[in-house]
N, C-alpha and C. Protein backbone atom coordinates (compact mmCIF):
# COMPACT_ATOMS: atom_id res chain seq x y z
N MET A 1 0.51 -1.22 -0.46
CA MET A 1 0.66 0.25 -0.62
C MET A 1 0.88 1.58 0.09
N PRO A 2 0.23 2.45 -0.66
CA PRO A 2 1.01 3.69 -0.47
C PRO A 2 0.96 4.14 1.06
N ILE A 3 2.56 4.20 1.11
CA ILE A 3 2.05 4.54 2.56
C ILE A 3 2.32 6.32 3.17
N ARG A 4 1.80 6.53 2.66
CA ARG A 4 1.68 7.40 2.72
C ARG A 4 0.05 7.64 2.80
N ASP A 5 -1.06 6.91 2.11
CA ASP A 5 -2.87 6.97 2.59
C ASP A 5 -2.96 6.03 3.86
N TYR A 6 -2.60 5.51 4.22
CA TYR A 6 -3.01 4.73 5.88
C TYR A 6 -2.07 4.89 7.11
N ALA A 7 -2.58 4.86 7.99
CA ALA A 7 -2.02 4.41 9.17
C ALA A 7 -3.15 3.25 9.76
N ILE A 8 -2.09 2.99 10.96
CA ILE A 8 -2.69 2.08 11.90
C ILE A 8 -3.01 3.04 13.33
N PHE A 9 -4.39 2.21 13.86
CA PHE A 9 -4.51 3.02 14.64
C PHE A 9 -4.89 2.39 15.75
N GLY A 10 -6.24 2.33 16.88
CA GLY A 10 -6.63 1.78 17.91
C GLY A 10 -5.75 1.96 18.52
N SER A 11 -5.38 0.61 19.28
CA SER A 11 -4.82 -0.08 19.82
C SER A 11 -3.47 -0.44 19.56
N GLY A 12 -2.75 -0.56 17.76
CA GLY A 12 -1.71 -1.09 17.16
C GLY A 12 -0.69 0.58 17.87
N PRO A 13 -0.44 1.41 17.92
CA PRO A 13 0.28 2.58 17.75
C PRO A 13 1.23 1.75 19.65
N LEU A 14 -0.18 1.07 20.41
CA LEU A 14 0.40 0.99 21.18
C LEU A 14 0.98 -0.35 21.55
N ALA A 15 0.72 -1.64 20.88
CA ALA A 15 1.41 -2.52 20.62
C ALA A 15 2.94 -2.52 20.03
N ILE A 16 2.44 -1.10 19.18
CA ILE A 16 3.96 -1.21 18.56
C ILE A 16 5.66 -0.93 20.28
N ARG A 17 4.70 -0.56 20.99
CA ARG A 17 5.99 0.33 21.45
C ARG A 17 5.80 -0.07 22.52
N GLY A 18 4.98 -1.46 23.04
CA GLY A 18 5.54 -2.12 24.14
C GLY A 18 4.49 -1.96 25.18
N VAL A 19 3.33 -0.65 25.32
CA VAL A 19 2.20 -0.11 25.71
C VAL A 19 1.28 -1.47 26.03
N ILE A 20 1.12 -1.95 25.49
CA ILE A 20 0.14 -3.53 25.56
C ILE A 20 0.52 -4.54 25.14
N PRO A 21 0.29 -5.57 25.47
CA PRO A 21 1.15 -7.16 24.38
C PRO A 21 -0.34 -6.83 23.25
N LEU A 22 0.29 -7.42 22.40
CA LEU A 22 0.20 -7.94 21.10
C LEU A 22 -1.19 -7.46 20.25
N CYS A 23 -1.57 -7.36 19.74
CA CYS A 23 -3.25 -7.57 20.16
C CYS A 23 -4.18 -8.66 18.81
N ASN A 24 -5.01 -8.66 18.93
CA ASN A 24 -5.50 -10.09 18.21
C ASN A 24 -6.47 -9.08 16.56
N ASP A 25 -6.22 -8.43 16.91
CA ASP A 25 -6.77 -6.97 15.73
C ASP A 25 -6.11 -5.97 15.37
N LEU A 26 -6.12 -5.14 13.84
CA LEU A 26 -5.80 -3.91 13.83
C LEU A 26 -6.64 -2.99 13.71
N ASP A 27 -5.99 -2.34 13.15
CA ASP A 27 -7.75 -1.09 13.05
C ASP A 27 -6.42 -0.60 11.45
N ILE A 28 -6.63 0.57 10.60
CA ILE A 28 -6.29 1.35 9.63
C ILE A 28 -6.50 1.71 9.43
N LEU A 29 -6.53 2.70 8.83
CA LEU A 29 -7.86 4.61 8.53
C LEU A 29 -6.78 4.03 6.71
N CYS A 30 -7.67 4.59 6.46
CA CYS A 30 -6.64 4.58 4.05
C CYS A 30 -7.34 5.76 4.08
N ARG A 31 -6.62 6.44 3.21
CA ARG A 31 -7.43 7.01 1.96
C ARG A 31 -6.45 6.65 0.64
N ARG A 32 -7.55 7.02 -0.74
CA ARG A 32 -6.95 7.64 -2.23
C ARG A 32 -6.97 5.82 -2.29
N GLY A 33 -5.37 5.97 -2.86
CA GLY A 33 -4.34 4.47 -3.34
C GLY A 33 -4.88 3.45 -2.33
N ALA A 34 -4.66 3.71 -0.74
CA ALA A 34 -5.02 2.18 -0.24
C ALA A 34 -6.01 1.88 -0.15
N TRP A 35 -6.99 2.99 0.42
CA TRP A 35 -8.50 2.44 -0.26
C TRP A 35 -8.78 2.05 -1.52
N GLU A 36 -8.81 2.43 -1.85
CA GLU A 36 -8.27 1.77 -4.07
C GLU A 36 -7.61 0.07 -3.61
N LEU A 37 -6.79 -0.30 -2.81
CA LEU A 37 -5.91 -1.08 -2.87
C LEU A 37 -6.48 -2.27 -2.40
N VAL A 38 -7.28 -1.50 -0.98
CA VAL A 38 -7.70 -3.05 0.01
C VAL A 38 -9.50 -2.96 -0.35
N SER A 39 -10.02 -2.44 -1.16
CA SER A 39 -11.23 -2.25 -1.46
C SER A 39 -11.84 -3.45 -3.15
N GLN A 40 -10.23 -3.30 -3.39
CA GLN A 40 -10.31 -4.69 -4.67
C GLN A 40 -9.71 -5.63 -3.65
N ILE A 41 -8.99 -6.42 -2.54
CA ILE A 41 -8.94 -7.24 -2.29
C ILE A 41 -10.07 -8.08 -1.72
N GLY A 42 -10.90 -7.02 -0.97
CA GLY A 42 -11.43 -7.73 0.03
C GLY A 42 -13.02 -7.53 -0.32
N LYS A 43 -14.09 -7.24 0.72
CA LYS A 43 -15.68 -7.20 0.43
C LYS A 43 -15.52 -5.86 1.35
N THR A 44 -16.24 -5.12 1.01
CA THR A 44 -16.21 -3.83 2.33
C THR A 44 -18.24 -4.27 1.99
N GLU A 45 -18.04 -3.07 3.45
CA GLU A 45 -19.01 -3.86 4.98
C GLU A 45 -18.73 -2.49 4.93
N TYR A 46 -20.79 -1.96 5.39
CA TYR A 46 -21.35 -1.10 6.24
C TYR A 46 -21.56 -1.80 7.45
N LEU A 47 -21.13 -0.58 8.67
CA LEU A 47 -21.49 -0.87 9.60
C LEU A 47 -22.44 0.27 9.94
N PRO A 48 -23.48 0.07 10.37
CA PRO A 48 -24.50 1.20 10.58
C PRO A 48 -24.36 1.70 11.61
N ALA A 49 -23.68 0.93 13.42
CA ALA A 49 -23.47 0.97 13.90
C ALA A 49 -23.07 2.46 14.14
N TYR A 50 -21.24 2.81 13.60
CA TYR A 50 -20.11 3.62 13.20
C TYR A 50 -20.71 4.18 12.63
N ASP A 51 -21.55 4.09 11.87
CA ASP A 51 -21.86 4.88 9.97
C ASP A 51 -20.33 4.96 9.87
N VAL A 52 -19.59 3.14 9.18
CA VAL A 52 -18.69 3.84 8.40
C VAL A 52 -18.67 2.01 7.56
N THR A 53 -17.53 2.53 5.93
CA THR A 53 -17.42 1.48 5.13
C THR A 53 -16.56 0.89 5.80
N ILE A 54 -15.80 -0.66 5.63
CA ILE A 54 -14.56 -1.02 6.13
C ILE A 54 -14.35 -2.39 5.38
N VAL A 55 -13.22 -2.82 5.17
CA VAL A 55 -13.21 -3.42 4.72
C VAL A 55 -12.05 -4.58 5.60
N SER A 56 -12.17 -5.91 5.95
CA SER A 56 -11.99 -6.88 7.14
C SER A 56 -11.47 -8.17 6.39
N LEU A 57 -10.20 -7.93 6.54
CA LEU A 57 -9.19 -8.97 5.96
C LEU A 57 -8.62 -10.04 6.62
N PHE A 58 -8.46 -11.26 7.19
CA PHE A 58 -8.04 -12.37 7.94
C PHE A 58 -9.20 -12.66 8.68
N GLY A 59 -10.14 -12.61 8.25
CA GLY A 59 -11.71 -13.10 9.09
C GLY A 59 -11.23 -12.07 9.84
N GLY A 60 -11.73 -10.29 9.98
CA GLY A 60 -12.18 -9.38 10.74
C GLY A 60 -10.14 -9.31 11.34
N SER A 61 -9.07 -9.57 11.93
CA SER A 61 -8.55 -9.71 12.08
C SER A 61 -7.81 -7.92 11.38
N VAL A 62 -7.90 -8.31 10.35
CA VAL A 62 -7.60 -6.33 9.39
C VAL A 62 -8.61 -5.98 10.00
N THR A 63 -8.63 -4.98 9.71
CA THR A 63 -9.57 -3.14 9.39
C THR A 63 -9.32 -2.87 9.30
N PHE A 64 -9.89 -2.37 7.75
CA PHE A 64 -9.20 -1.09 7.20
C PHE A 64 -10.57 -0.02 7.26
N GLY A 65 -10.47 1.17 6.53
CA GLY A 65 -11.95 1.87 6.79
C GLY A 65 -11.05 3.10 6.46
N THR A 66 -11.92 4.28 5.87
CA THR A 66 -12.04 5.83 5.59
C THR A 66 -11.82 6.63 6.71
N GLN A 67 -12.60 6.24 7.75
CA GLN A 67 -12.86 7.04 8.83
C GLN A 67 -13.11 6.13 10.40
N TRP A 68 -13.50 7.10 11.69
CA TRP A 68 -13.12 6.85 13.18
C TRP A 68 -14.70 6.74 12.87
N GLY A 69 -15.26 5.95 13.28
CA GLY A 69 -16.47 5.81 14.10
C GLY A 69 -16.76 6.20 14.53
N ILE A 70 -16.06 6.50 15.69
CA ILE A 70 -16.82 7.30 17.21
C ILE A 70 -14.96 8.30 16.98
N GLY A 71 -15.92 9.50 17.10
CA GLY A 71 -15.36 10.94 18.01
C GLY A 71 -15.82 11.83 16.35
N ASN A 72 -14.95 12.45 16.05
CA ASN A 72 -15.35 13.60 15.04
C ASN A 72 -13.23 13.87 14.44
N PHE A 73 -12.53 12.62 13.39
CA PHE A 73 -11.62 12.46 13.88
C PHE A 73 -11.21 12.63 12.62
N ASP A 74 -10.10 13.77 11.87
CA ASP A 74 -9.37 14.32 10.60
C ASP A 74 -8.67 13.14 10.07
N VAL A 75 -9.29 12.24 8.99
CA VAL A 75 -8.95 11.02 8.90
C VAL A 75 -7.33 11.73 8.73
N ASP A 76 -7.34 12.91 7.37
CA ASP A 76 -6.32 12.83 7.04
C ASP A 76 -4.96 13.29 7.53
N ASP A 77 -4.91 14.10 9.02
CA ASP A 77 -4.71 14.76 9.65
C ASP A 77 -3.66 13.42 10.59
N LEU A 78 -4.40 12.68 11.17
CA LEU A 78 -4.08 11.22 11.25
C LEU A 78 -3.10 11.04 10.78
N ILE A 79 -3.43 10.75 9.33
CA ILE A 79 -2.74 9.73 8.88
C ILE A 79 -1.39 10.90 7.87
N ASP A 80 -1.24 12.15 8.28
CA ASP A 80 -0.61 12.74 7.78
C ASP A 80 0.76 13.55 9.05
N SER A 81 0.32 13.01 9.77
CA SER A 81 0.99 12.82 10.96
C SER A 81 1.66 11.52 11.95
N ALA A 82 1.48 10.79 10.42
CA ALA A 82 1.62 9.71 11.45
C ALA A 82 3.90 9.06 11.70
N VAL A 83 3.86 8.59 12.57
CA VAL A 83 4.70 8.57 13.00
C VAL A 83 5.72 6.87 12.12
N ILE A 84 6.81 6.68 11.92
CA ILE A 84 6.46 5.88 11.17
C ILE A 84 7.55 5.21 12.86
N ILE A 85 7.35 3.83 12.76
CA ILE A 85 8.00 2.87 13.47
C ILE A 85 8.59 1.83 12.45
N ASP A 86 9.12 1.04 12.45
CA ASP A 86 9.21 0.03 11.99
C ASP A 86 8.99 -0.01 10.16
N SER A 87 9.01 1.00 9.60
CA SER A 87 8.94 0.96 8.43
C SER A 87 7.01 1.27 8.06
N LEU A 88 6.17 1.67 9.23
CA LEU A 88 5.12 1.38 8.80
C LEU A 88 4.66 2.74 9.94
N PRO A 89 3.33 3.58 8.83
CA PRO A 89 3.06 4.85 9.80
C PRO A 89 1.75 3.99 11.30
N PHE A 90 1.92 4.97 12.35
CA PHE A 90 1.25 4.60 13.08
C PHE A 90 0.79 5.84 13.65
N VAL A 91 -0.65 6.08 13.82
CA VAL A 91 -1.58 7.42 14.70
C VAL A 91 -0.64 7.77 15.43
N GLN A 92 -0.06 9.11 15.90
CA GLN A 92 0.71 9.90 17.23
C GLN A 92 -0.12 9.06 18.21
N ILE A 93 0.16 8.68 19.40
CA ILE A 93 -0.59 8.35 21.04
C ILE A 93 -1.35 9.06 21.13
N LYS A 94 -1.25 10.73 21.26
CA LYS A 94 -2.40 11.68 21.29
C LYS A 94 -3.08 11.84 20.59
N HIS A 95 -3.63 10.87 19.44
CA HIS A 95 -4.61 11.04 18.81
C HIS A 95 -4.70 9.77 19.80
N VAL A 96 -4.76 8.17 19.84
CA VAL A 96 -4.91 7.42 20.19
C VAL A 96 -5.77 7.82 21.39
N ILE A 97 -4.81 8.23 22.53
CA ILE A 97 -5.61 8.55 23.94
C ILE A 97 -6.81 9.85 23.73
N ALA A 98 -6.76 10.74 22.67
CA ALA A 98 -8.08 11.00 22.52
C ALA A 98 -9.39 10.39 22.28
N TYR A 99 -9.24 8.72 21.62
CA TYR A 99 -10.42 8.38 21.88
C TYR A 99 -10.42 7.33 22.02
N LYS A 100 -9.08 7.06 23.20
CA LYS A 100 -10.03 5.73 23.81
C LYS A 100 -10.90 6.57 25.14
N LYS A 101 -10.30 7.95 25.56
CA LYS A 101 -10.53 8.73 25.83
C LYS A 101 -11.66 8.98 25.80
N LEU A 102 -12.34 9.45 24.80
CA LEU A 102 -13.73 9.00 23.59
C LEU A 102 -14.65 7.86 24.18
N ARG A 103 -14.26 6.87 23.95
CA ARG A 103 -14.41 5.80 23.70
C ARG A 103 -14.61 5.03 25.45
N SER A 104 -14.18 5.37 26.46
CA SER A 104 -13.58 5.33 27.59
C SER A 104 -14.67 3.67 27.90
N SER A 105 -14.13 2.51 26.74
CA SER A 105 -14.35 1.23 26.96
C SER A 105 -13.56 0.26 27.87
N ALA A 106 -13.93 -0.58 28.93
CA ALA A 106 -13.12 -1.69 30.60
C ALA A 106 -11.71 -0.67 29.83
N LYS A 107 -11.34 -1.57 28.51
CA LYS A 107 -10.47 -2.20 27.55
C LYS A 107 -9.64 -0.41 27.20
N ASP A 108 -10.21 0.49 26.93
CA ASP A 108 -9.40 1.96 26.74
C ASP A 108 -8.39 2.15 27.50
N LEU A 109 -9.44 1.96 29.19
CA LEU A 109 -9.14 2.53 30.36
C LEU A 109 -8.33 1.97 31.32
N LEU A 110 -8.47 0.34 30.40
CA LEU A 110 -7.13 -0.55 31.25
C LEU A 110 -6.07 0.42 30.52
N HIS A 111 -6.05 0.79 28.44
CA HIS A 111 -4.67 1.09 28.02
C HIS A 111 -4.34 2.16 28.44
N ILE A 112 -5.51 3.36 28.62
CA ILE A 112 -4.66 4.58 28.81
C ILE A 112 -3.87 4.44 30.99
N ASN A 113 -4.60 3.72 31.26
CA ASN A 113 -3.64 3.12 32.26
C ASN A 113 -2.23 2.35 32.58
N ALA A 114 -2.02 1.61 31.51
CA ALA A 114 -1.03 1.08 30.88
C ALA A 114 -0.23 2.45 30.15
N LEU A 115 -0.28 3.17 29.29
CA LEU A 115 0.27 4.04 28.74
C LEU A 115 0.33 4.97 30.45
N GLU A 116 0.22 5.26 31.58
CA GLU A 116 0.55 6.00 32.58
C GLU A 116 1.60 5.36 32.93
N THR A 117 1.21 4.07 33.39
CA THR A 117 1.89 3.15 34.16
C THR A 117 3.69 2.97 33.40
N SER A 118 4.32 3.12 31.81
CA SER A 118 5.16 2.02 31.15
C SER A 118 5.62 3.76 30.75
N GLY A 119 5.20 5.29 31.15
CA GLY A 119 6.22 5.82 31.06
C GLY A 119 5.88 6.77 29.95
N TYR A 120 4.59 6.51 29.01
CA TYR A 120 4.29 7.02 28.61
C TYR A 120 2.99 8.40 29.24
N HIS A 121 3.32 9.42 29.59
CA HIS A 121 2.89 10.66 29.97
C HIS A 121 1.66 11.21 29.47
N LEU A 122 0.20 10.99 29.60
CA LEU A 122 -0.61 12.21 28.99
C LEU A 122 0.10 12.98 28.42
N LEU A 123 0.37 13.71 29.15
CA LEU A 123 0.85 15.78 28.49
C LEU A 123 2.00 15.04 27.25
N ARG A 124 2.53 14.50 27.74
CA ARG A 124 4.20 14.39 27.08
C ARG A 124 3.62 13.27 25.86
N ALA A 125 2.59 13.55 25.59
CA ALA A 125 2.37 12.14 24.30
C ALA A 125 2.54 12.47 22.98
N GLY A 126 1.73 13.89 23.21
CA GLY A 126 2.37 14.02 21.79
C GLY A 126 3.74 14.31 20.74
N ASP A 127 4.91 14.13 21.80
CA ASP A 127 5.50 14.54 21.56
C ASP A 127 6.68 12.76 20.39
N ASP A 128 5.63 11.94 21.57
CA ASP A 128 5.96 10.64 20.35
C ASP A 128 7.35 10.21 19.81
């Protein structure tokens, strides 16, 4: 996929930094060429609960979308400001924190706690 057209979001940015264990799923935001590619590889599916269209691959282990269904995030900004780690683009921690605070599920609150105890302080998370 064109590296400037996608970024890993959700729990992926935390897992790559060792803040949480590796997840069993990966969420990827896409635009332009990256979305065109994945929508040719997999079947698009509309999720009414989140008002988003996604493509899931590998039995749902990898999910691609052009929007984030929770909150009001600028996908272009999330992708453009992504941090490259091991040759892959990851959404900045500050955006992940904003999403996890907004969603506030039990898992998200555990992830925020893991960030705090791992040395990623919420006020400095934008430094990536």
